[in-house]
């Protein structure tokens, strides 16, 4: 009986031996961290490039695009007019 009690104590209350971490678990946790991080960085990059292209479009057409709410779907083109007349704009 004494030996049985000792084996039960060692099994349930004794010192735990360190277990090795499997590569499967490392890949699982790495994927849980890296996939959302890569998606976040990719979406940030795409958003930044989109804003840069919209700003370039805005600068190209004299500042009438992004600031006035026209986001490239409708281009604004300035027609040549005599200097004494106000500028005329045509929406294509």
Protein backbone atom coordinates (compact mmCIF):
# COMPACT_ATOMS: atom_id res chain seq x y z
CA UNK A 1 0.00 0.00 0.00
CA UNK A 2 2.84 2.37 0.80
CA UNK A 3 4.39 2.02 -2.64
CA UNK A 4 1.05 2.57 -4.33
CA UNK A 5 0.55 5.80 -2.38
CA UNK A 6 4.02 6.97 -3.37
CA UNK A 7 3.43 6.27 -7.05
CA UNK A 8 0.11 8.15 -6.93
CA UNK A 9 1.80 11.12 -5.21
CA UNK A 10 4.60 11.16 -7.79
CA UNK A 11 2.14 10.94 -10.65
CA UNK A 12 -0.23 13.71 -9.50
CA UNK A 13 1.76 15.96 -7.17
CA UNK A 14 5.34 15.34 -8.14
CA UNK A 15 7.66 17.49 -10.25
CA UNK A 16 6.66 17.90 -13.86
CA UNK A 17 9.27 17.11 -16.41
CA UNK A 18 9.61 19.69 -19.14
CA UNK A 19 7.91 18.75 -22.38
CA UNK A 20 9.30 19.62 -25.79
CA UNK A 21 7.37 21.94 -28.02
CA UNK A 22 6.52 20.31 -31.33
CA UNK A 23 7.16 22.05 -34.64
CA UNK A 24 3.47 21.65 -35.39
CA UNK A 25 2.57 23.85 -32.43
CA UNK A 26 5.25 26.41 -33.36
CA UNK A 27 3.85 26.64 -36.91
CA UNK A 28 0.31 26.96 -35.59
CA UNK A 29 1.10 29.88 -33.27
CA UNK A 30 3.37 31.53 -35.84
CA UNK A 31 0.56 31.39 -38.40
CA UNK A 32 -1.89 32.83 -35.86
CA UNK A 33 0.40 35.83 -35.46
CA UNK A 34 1.92 36.25 -38.92
CA UNK A 35 -1.18 35.89 -41.13
CA UNK A 36 -3.13 38.79 -39.53
CA UNK A 37 0.07 40.87 -39.39
CA UNK A 38 0.77 40.33 -43.09
CA UNK A 39 -2.86 41.12 -43.96
CA UNK A 40 -2.69 44.32 -41.92
CA UNK A 41 0.58 45.43 -43.50
CA UNK A 42 -0.67 44.58 -47.00
CA UNK A 43 -3.89 46.51 -46.54
CA UNK A 44 -1.95 49.48 -45.14
CA UNK A 45 0.38 49.41 -48.14
CA UNK A 46 -2.52 49.22 -50.64
CA UNK A 47 -4.36 52.04 -48.87
CA UNK A 48 -1.24 54.21 -48.87
CA UNK A 49 -0.58 53.60 -52.57
CA UNK A 50 -4.22 54.39 -53.38
CA UNK A 51 -4.02 57.68 -51.51
CA UNK A 52 -0.74 58.53 -53.27
CA UNK A 53 -2.29 57.90 -56.68
CA UNK A 54 -5.36 59.96 -55.78
CA UNK A 55 -3.16 62.81 -54.60
CA UNK A 56 -1.16 62.60 -57.83
CA UNK A 57 -4.42 62.74 -59.79
CA UNK A 58 -5.52 65.71 -57.71
CA UNK A 59 -2.25 67.53 -58.39
CA UNK A 60 -2.46 66.70 -62.10
CA UNK A 61 -5.87 68.33 -62.46
CA UNK A 62 -5.10 71.43 -60.47
CA UNK A 63 -6.39 70.42 -57.06
CA UNK A 64 -10.02 69.63 -57.92
CA UNK A 65 -10.01 65.89 -57.27
CA UNK A 66 -9.50 64.66 -53.74
CA UNK A 67 -10.22 67.91 -51.92
CA UNK A 68 -13.57 68.46 -53.63
CA UNK A 69 -14.75 64.87 -53.32
CA UNK A 70 -14.13 63.68 -56.88
CA UNK A 71 -12.02 60.51 -56.55
CA UNK A 72 -10.88 59.78 -60.06
CA UNK A 73 -14.23 58.46 -61.33
CA UNK A 74 -14.83 61.78 -63.06
CA UNK A 75 -11.85 63.67 -64.39
CA UNK A 76 -11.95 67.44 -64.43
CA UNK A 77 -10.31 69.12 -67.40
CA UNK A 78 -9.63 72.81 -67.72
CA UNK A 79 -10.32 74.30 -71.12
CA UNK A 80 -8.15 77.02 -72.54
CA UNK A 81 -9.84 80.36 -72.23
CA UNK A 82 -8.71 83.92 -72.84
CA UNK A 83 -6.98 85.37 -69.75
CA UNK A 84 -9.73 87.95 -69.24
CA UNK A 85 -12.49 85.33 -68.96
CA UNK A 86 -12.90 82.98 -66.00
CA UNK A 87 -11.78 79.40 -66.50
CA UNK A 88 -14.33 76.94 -67.83
CA UNK A 89 -14.35 73.35 -66.57
CA UNK A 90 -15.78 70.34 -68.35
CA UNK A 91 -16.55 67.07 -66.60
CA UNK A 92 -15.77 64.15 -68.89
